[in-house]
Amino acid sequence: MPKSAAEILKDLKKKSYAPLYLLHGDEPYYLDKVADFIEENALSPADRSFNQFIFFGKDLTIPALLANAKRFPMMAERQLVMVKEAQALQGLEQKEMQVALENYIKNPLPSTILVLVFKTSADERKSWVKTFDKVGLVMPSKKLYDNKLPDWILEYCHENGLKISRKAIEMLVENVGNDLKRLASEIDKIKLNLRIDEEINAQVVERYVGISKEYNYFEFQKALINRDVLKANQIVNFFAANPKDNPLAPIVLLLYNFFSKVLLTHATPDKSERNLAAVLGVNPFFTKDYLQAIRSYNLAKVVQILGEIKRLDLKSKGVESGSLSDGEALREATFRILH
């Protein structure tokens, strides 16, 4: 039965454990969160020595897995058998091994908690996965879309009793990206340094996440949105002087993603916040940036800008770059975007 991480954790905190868990997907944050909770709480410290078995898939065969799952706990109510990176289980692609695994899934030992943790998406066409879905607990863990990140940050802060400003959320999204483990780690680091009732604002993020308030990708985009020539050039000069910390490729990607959405904003008749957020695939937090951008750049200018970004991308890859450094190429492209 498919369940979310929140639903599974809610049951686990009530000490309600199922005999079968399949955790799979490409977002490791939730996989690790649920697996770690089970590992740390399913058994008492006294019971773990003889009844907790943590394996890695590459080191384990299906027969060995089943032998461990079928044994009875020693002087305890239950045992835990967990396989991390289970996608690498030896024999998992063999039909007879899949049948053996499926037979156990159909009739699991009630005193065993079997947890399979796939760091990829399990093949839901496989018969054993379908059977697991019917009789066990299955938790898909998919990467969050970028437009969901602000809500995730807000919810994470709320769960931890933290208040956070919109600007701080934007800075975390732009500078950390959709790595949930790193986002959680950065917020946890901030929490350790906050005073009681202090809000996480832009200054706090700058101080503890190590983001320069004046010279970062986020502020560069803001300067372009507002056509702030002086600020944009100050940031470009900083990037050019610190190329190792500010490589050109992420900047090109940032520019392309942003101005592609500005073009789409121009083409969208209904520019209400709700509709624009849905069309652009962004959080409503960010629609104001695109509305400001179309005031700063008309449709023809945006088309021209996208052409400049394409040329900048080619130059970053050494095509028609001549003797220009990355910093000089970015400075030239920025001039053409702003003028």
Protein backbone atom coordinates (compact mmCIF):
# COMPACT_ATOMS: atom_id res chain seq x y z
CA MET A 1 0.00 0.00 0.00
CA PRO A 2 1.57 3.34 -1.04
CA LYS A 3 2.07 5.82 1.79
CA SER A 4 3.88 9.12 2.14
CA ALA A 5 6.85 9.59 4.43
CA ALA A 6 4.69 11.70 6.77
CA GLU A 7 2.06 8.94 7.03
CA ILE A 8 4.64 6.23 7.70
CA LEU A 9 6.49 8.32 10.27
CA LYS A 10 3.21 9.10 12.04
CA ASP A 11 2.57 5.35 12.48
CA LEU A 12 6.16 4.63 13.46
CA LYS A 13 6.08 7.26 16.19
CA LYS A 14 3.08 5.40 17.61
CA LYS A 15 5.26 2.24 17.59
CA SER A 16 3.09 0.73 14.89
CA TYR A 17 5.42 -1.32 12.68
CA ALA A 18 4.51 -3.32 9.58
CA PRO A 19 6.36 -6.51 8.52
CA LEU A 20 7.19 -5.12 5.05
CA TYR A 21 8.52 -1.76 3.85
CA LEU A 22 9.67 -0.83 0.36
CA LEU A 23 11.21 2.65 0.26
CA HIS A 24 12.24 3.72 -3.22
CA GLY A 25 12.87 6.74 -5.45
CA ASP A 26 15.40 9.37 -6.45
CA GLU A 27 14.92 11.69 -3.44
CA PRO A 28 17.23 10.34 -0.71
CA TYR A 29 16.03 12.76 1.99
CA TYR A 30 12.79 10.90 2.75
CA LEU A 31 14.31 7.46 2.15
CA ASP A 32 17.01 8.14 4.75
CA LYS A 33 14.61 9.85 7.15
CA VAL A 34 12.25 6.86 7.33
CA ALA A 35 15.00 4.22 7.23
CA ASP A 36 17.00 5.99 9.96
CA PHE A 37 13.92 6.26 12.18
CA ILE A 38 13.20 2.54 11.86
CA GLU A 39 16.84 1.65 12.50
CA GLU A 40 17.01 3.83 15.61
CA ASN A 41 13.61 2.99 17.10
CA ALA A 42 12.26 -0.38 15.97
CA LEU A 43 14.29 -2.27 18.61
CA SER A 44 15.48 -1.35 22.05
CA PRO A 45 19.26 -0.99 22.46
CA ALA A 46 19.30 -4.26 24.42
CA ASP A 47 17.60 -6.17 21.59
CA ARG A 48 19.74 -4.88 18.73
CA SER A 49 22.83 -7.06 19.25
CA PHE A 50 21.09 -10.28 18.21
CA ASN A 51 18.09 -9.01 16.28
CA GLN A 52 19.11 -6.07 14.09
CA PHE A 53 20.67 -6.83 10.70
CA ILE A 54 21.66 -3.97 8.42
CA PHE A 55 22.97 -4.99 4.98
CA PHE A 56 23.98 -3.31 1.73
CA GLY A 57 22.49 -4.80 -1.42
CA LYS A 58 25.78 -5.38 -3.21
CA ASP A 59 26.94 -7.62 -0.33
CA LEU A 60 23.78 -9.73 -0.10
CA THR A 61 22.08 -12.44 -2.14
CA ILE A 62 18.33 -13.03 -2.24
CA PRO A 63 18.64 -16.45 -0.53
CA ALA A 64 20.73 -14.88 2.27
CA LEU A 65 18.19 -12.10 2.65
CA LEU A 66 15.31 -14.57 2.91
CA ALA A 67 17.19 -16.78 5.37
CA ASN A 68 17.63 -13.76 7.66
CA ALA A 69 14.02 -12.65 7.23
CA LYS A 70 12.67 -16.12 8.09
CA ARG A 71 14.64 -16.58 11.31
CA PHE A 72 12.88 -15.94 14.60
CA PRO A 73 14.03 -13.18 16.95
CA MET A 74 16.29 -14.15 19.84
CA MET A 75 14.85 -13.28 23.26
CA ALA A 76 12.89 -10.38 21.75
CA GLU A 77 9.47 -9.63 20.30
CA ARG A 78 10.77 -8.89 16.82
CA GLN A 79 13.83 -8.47 14.63
CA LEU A 80 14.80 -5.91 12.00
CA VAL A 81 16.27 -6.83 8.63
CA MET A 82 17.13 -3.76 6.55
CA VAL A 83 18.77 -3.68 3.13
CA LYS A 84 20.19 -0.32 2.08
CA GLU A 85 20.79 0.33 -1.63
CA ALA A 86 18.63 -2.72 -2.25
CA GLN A 87 18.59 -2.03 -5.99
CA ALA A 88 22.03 -3.74 -5.99
CA LEU A 89 20.81 -6.98 -4.37
CA GLN A 90 22.57 -9.94 -5.95
CA GLY A 91 20.15 -11.94 -8.09
CA LEU A 92 17.38 -9.36 -8.09
CA GLU A 93 17.16 -9.47 -11.89
CA GLN A 94 16.84 -13.27 -11.97
CA LYS A 95 13.31 -14.56 -12.44
CA GLU A 96 13.63 -17.43 -9.96
CA MET A 97 15.00 -15.08 -7.29
CA GLN A 98 12.12 -12.65 -7.88
CA VAL A 99 9.67 -15.54 -7.42
CA ALA A 100 11.37 -16.53 -4.16
CA LEU A 101 11.22 -12.95 -2.90
CA GLU A 102 7.59 -12.64 -3.94
CA ASN A 103 6.68 -15.85 -2.10
CA TYR A 104 8.10 -14.40 1.12
CA ILE A 105 6.26 -11.11 0.55
CA LYS A 106 2.98 -13.04 0.24
CA ASN A 107 3.56 -14.70 3.60
CA PRO A 108 6.01 -12.65 5.68
CA LEU A 109 7.09 -13.64 9.18
CA PRO A 110 5.10 -11.35 11.53
CA SER A 111 8.04 -11.03 13.93
CA THR A 112 10.37 -9.69 11.20
CA ILE A 113 10.41 -6.08 10.02
CA LEU A 114 11.84 -6.28 6.50
CA VAL A 115 12.89 -2.94 5.02
CA LEU A 116 14.16 -2.63 1.45
CA VAL A 117 15.62 0.79 0.62
CA PHE A 118 16.09 1.46 -3.10
CA LYS A 119 18.06 4.58 -4.05
CA THR A 120 16.29 4.43 -7.42
CA SER A 121 12.68 3.87 -8.40
CA ALA A 122 11.71 0.21 -8.15
CA ASP A 123 10.30 -1.27 -11.35
CA GLU A 124 6.57 -1.27 -10.63
CA ARG A 125 5.98 -3.64 -13.56
CA LYS A 126 7.69 -6.46 -11.67
CA SER A 127 5.34 -9.00 -10.09
CA TRP A 128 7.12 -8.91 -6.72
CA VAL A 129 6.79 -5.10 -6.55
CA LYS A 130 3.07 -5.33 -7.36
CA THR A 131 2.65 -7.91 -4.60
CA PHE A 132 4.60 -5.71 -2.18
CA ASP A 133 2.24 -2.88 -3.07
CA LYS A 134 -0.76 -5.02 -2.14
CA VAL A 135 0.40 -6.49 1.17
CA GLY A 136 3.23 -4.23 2.40
CA LEU A 137 3.92 -0.53 2.81
CA VAL A 138 5.45 1.17 -0.22
CA MET A 139 6.85 4.70 -0.02
CA PRO A 140 7.79 6.40 -3.31
CA SER A 141 10.22 9.29 -2.79
CA LYS A 142 10.42 11.58 -5.80
CA LYS A 143 12.53 14.69 -6.31
CA LEU A 144 10.59 17.85 -5.58
CA TYR A 145 9.91 20.23 -8.44
CA ASP A 146 11.59 23.60 -7.94
CA ASN A 147 8.24 25.34 -7.53
CA LYS A 148 7.52 23.16 -4.47
CA LEU A 149 10.73 24.08 -2.65
CA PRO A 150 9.49 27.31 -0.97
CA ASP A 151 6.55 25.43 0.55
CA TRP A 152 8.88 22.62 1.66
CA ILE A 153 11.21 25.11 3.36
CA LEU A 154 8.28 26.87 5.01
CA GLU A 155 6.88 23.56 6.28
CA TYR A 156 10.29 22.37 7.51
CA CYS A 157 10.76 25.61 9.43
CA HIS A 158 7.23 25.36 10.86
CA GLU A 159 7.91 21.79 12.05
CA ASN A 160 11.03 23.06 13.80
CA GLY A 161 9.31 26.04 15.39
CA LEU A 162 11.08 28.57 13.17
CA LYS A 163 9.85 31.72 11.47
CA ILE A 164 11.36 32.56 8.08
CA SER A 165 10.99 35.53 5.75
CA ARG A 166 10.12 35.31 2.07
CA LYS A 167 13.49 36.78 1.09
CA ALA A 168 15.30 34.13 3.15
CA ILE A 169 13.29 31.38 1.45
CA GLU A 170 14.17 32.79 -1.97
CA MET A 171 17.87 32.95 -1.07
CA LEU A 172 17.88 29.33 0.11
CA VAL A 173 16.08 28.15 -3.03
CA GLU A 174 18.36 30.06 -5.38
CA ASN A 175 21.62 29.22 -3.65
CA VAL A 176 21.07 25.69 -2.31
CA GLY A 177 18.64 24.30 -4.90
CA ASN A 178 16.53 21.17 -4.56
CA ASP A 179 18.95 19.14 -2.45
CA LEU A 180 16.59 18.54 0.50
CA LYS A 181 19.27 17.04 2.73
CA ARG A 182 21.46 20.10 2.28
CA LEU A 183 18.51 22.46 2.73
CA ALA A 184 17.57 20.71 5.97
CA SER A 185 21.20 20.77 7.09
CA GLU A 186 21.55 24.49 6.39
CA ILE A 187 18.30 25.28 8.25
CA ASP A 188 19.40 23.10 11.18
CA LYS A 189 22.74 24.96 11.25
CA ILE A 190 20.89 28.28 11.31
CA LYS A 191 18.60 27.04 14.10
CA LEU A 192 21.59 26.25 16.33
CA ASN A 193 22.75 29.85 16.05
CA LEU A 194 19.43 31.67 16.37
CA ARG A 195 18.37 33.61 19.42
CA ILE A 196 15.00 32.71 20.96
CA ASP A 197 12.15 33.94 18.72
CA GLU A 198 14.60 35.30 16.11
CA GLU A 199 13.31 35.08 12.55
CA ILE A 200 15.37 33.59 9.74
CA ASN A 201 15.80 36.59 7.44
CA ALA A 202 18.15 37.44 4.58
CA GLN A 203 20.89 38.62 6.93
CA VAL A 204 20.73 35.39 8.93
CA VAL A 205 20.96 33.26 5.76
CA GLU A 206 23.89 35.34 4.55
CA ARG A 207 25.67 34.95 7.87
CA TYR A 208 25.25 31.21 8.43
CA VAL A 209 24.87 29.74 4.93
CA GLY A 210 27.83 31.68 3.62
CA ILE A 211 26.03 33.61 0.89
CA SER A 212 27.36 37.04 0.05
CA LYS A 213 24.37 39.37 0.21
CA GLU A 214 25.76 41.66 -2.47
CA TYR A 215 27.52 39.27 -4.83
CA ASN A 216 25.63 36.06 -5.56
CA TYR A 217 23.49 34.55 -8.33
CA PHE A 218 20.29 35.58 -6.55
CA GLU A 219 21.29 39.25 -6.40
CA PHE A 220 22.58 39.12 -9.98
CA GLN A 221 19.17 37.98 -11.19
CA LYS A 222 17.49 40.70 -9.10
CA ALA A 223 19.74 43.34 -10.65
CA LEU A 224 18.82 42.14 -14.14
CA ILE A 225 15.10 42.07 -13.32
CA ASN A 226 15.26 45.70 -12.22
CA ARG A 227 17.72 46.65 -14.98
CA ASP A 228 20.07 47.95 -12.32
CA VAL A 229 23.16 48.49 -14.50
CA LEU A 230 25.51 49.52 -11.70
CA LYS A 231 24.66 46.60 -9.39
CA ALA A 232 24.70 44.04 -12.20
CA ASN A 233 28.16 45.13 -13.31
CA GLN A 234 29.51 45.15 -9.76
CA ILE A 235 28.38 41.53 -9.38
CA VAL A 236 29.77 40.52 -12.78
CA ASN A 237 33.13 42.05 -11.85
CA PHE A 238 33.08 40.07 -8.60
CA PHE A 239 32.28 36.85 -10.49
CA ALA A 240 35.09 37.56 -12.96
CA ALA A 241 37.56 38.12 -10.12
CA ASN A 242 36.51 34.87 -8.39
CA PRO A 243 35.96 32.38 -11.24
CA LYS A 244 36.53 29.24 -9.16
CA ASP A 245 33.72 30.15 -6.75
CA ASN A 246 31.46 31.48 -9.51
CA PRO A 247 31.74 29.19 -12.57
CA LEU A 248 30.03 30.34 -15.74
CA ALA A 249 27.90 27.23 -16.43
CA PRO A 250 25.45 27.69 -13.51
CA ILE A 251 25.10 31.39 -14.38
CA VAL A 252 24.21 30.54 -17.99
CA LEU A 253 21.63 28.01 -16.76
CA LEU A 254 20.17 30.56 -14.35
CA LEU A 255 19.86 33.17 -17.11
CA TYR A 256 18.32 30.73 -19.58
CA ASN A 257 15.78 29.34 -17.12
CA PHE A 258 14.76 32.80 -15.98
CA PHE A 259 14.42 34.52 -19.34
CA SER A 260 12.65 31.49 -20.86
CA LYS A 261 9.99 31.97 -18.20
CA VAL A 262 9.93 35.72 -18.88
CA LEU A 263 9.19 34.92 -22.53
CA LEU A 264 6.38 32.59 -21.43
CA THR A 265 5.03 35.31 -19.13
CA HIS A 266 4.80 37.69 -22.10
CA ALA A 267 2.86 35.02 -24.01
CA THR A 268 0.41 34.23 -21.19
CA PRO A 269 -2.84 36.24 -21.46
CA ASP A 270 -3.98 35.54 -17.89
CA LYS A 271 -1.26 37.02 -15.73
CA SER A 272 -2.99 36.45 -12.39
CA GLU A 273 -0.67 35.12 -9.70
CA ARG A 274 -2.37 31.73 -9.52
CA ASN A 275 -2.51 31.13 -13.28
CA LEU A 276 1.01 32.43 -13.91
CA ALA A 277 2.42 30.16 -11.19
CA ALA A 278 0.73 27.16 -12.82
CA VAL A 279 1.88 28.07 -16.34
CA LEU A 280 5.50 28.76 -15.34
CA GLY A 281 5.73 25.86 -12.92
CA VAL A 282 6.94 28.13 -10.11
CA ASN A 283 5.77 28.89 -6.62
CA PRO A 284 3.42 31.91 -6.44
CA PHE A 285 6.18 33.55 -4.34
CA PHE A 286 8.14 34.18 -7.52
CA THR A 287 5.48 35.46 -9.95
CA LYS A 288 6.18 39.07 -9.00
CA ASP A 289 9.73 38.70 -10.35
CA TYR A 290 8.44 37.67 -13.78
CA LEU A 291 5.85 40.43 -13.83
CA GLN A 292 8.57 42.96 -13.02
CA ALA A 293 10.80 41.47 -15.73
CA ILE A 294 8.19 41.94 -18.48
CA ARG A 295 7.93 45.56 -17.41
CA SER A 296 11.69 45.90 -17.74
CA TYR A 297 12.05 43.96 -21.02
CA ASN A 298 9.56 43.94 -23.88
CA LEU A 299 8.92 40.79 -25.91
CA ALA A 300 11.41 41.62 -28.68
CA LYS A 301 14.13 42.35 -26.13
CA VAL A 302 13.55 39.03 -24.36
CA VAL A 303 13.93 37.16 -27.66
CA GLN A 304 17.19 39.04 -28.25
CA ILE A 305 18.37 38.22 -24.70
CA LEU A 306 17.76 34.51 -25.21
CA GLY A 307 19.95 34.73 -28.31
CA GLU A 308 22.69 36.37 -26.23
CA ILE A 309 22.42 33.63 -23.61
CA LYS A 310 22.79 30.98 -26.33
CA ARG A 311 25.95 32.71 -27.59
CA LEU A 312 27.25 32.93 -24.01
CA ASP A 313 26.63 29.20 -23.57
CA LEU A 314 28.64 28.43 -26.71
CA LYS A 315 31.48 30.68 -25.56
CA SER A 316 31.51 28.94 -22.16
CA LYS A 317 32.09 25.69 -24.08
CA GLY A 318 34.93 27.19 -26.10
CA VAL A 319 32.96 27.80 -29.31
CA GLU A 320 33.81 31.13 -30.97
CA SER A 321 35.18 32.40 -27.66
CA GLY A 322 38.48 33.65 -29.08
CA SER A 323 40.70 34.91 -26.28
CA LEU A 324 37.79 35.95 -24.05
CA SER A 325 37.86 34.66 -20.47
CA ASP A 326 34.59 33.49 -18.90
CA GLY A 327 34.41 36.70 -16.91
CA GLU A 328 34.86 38.84 -20.03
CA ALA A 329 32.24 36.79 -21.91
CA LEU A 330 29.76 37.27 -19.06
CA ARG A 331 30.53 40.99 -18.88
CA GLU A 332 29.88 41.34 -22.62
CA ALA A 333 26.60 39.36 -22.43
CA THR A 334 25.42 41.37 -19.43
CA PHE A 335 26.01 44.62 -21.31
CA ARG A 336 23.92 43.36 -24.24
CA ILE A 337 21.14 42.17 -21.92
CA LEU A 338 20.90 45.51 -20.14
CA HIS A 339 21.24 47.83 -23.16
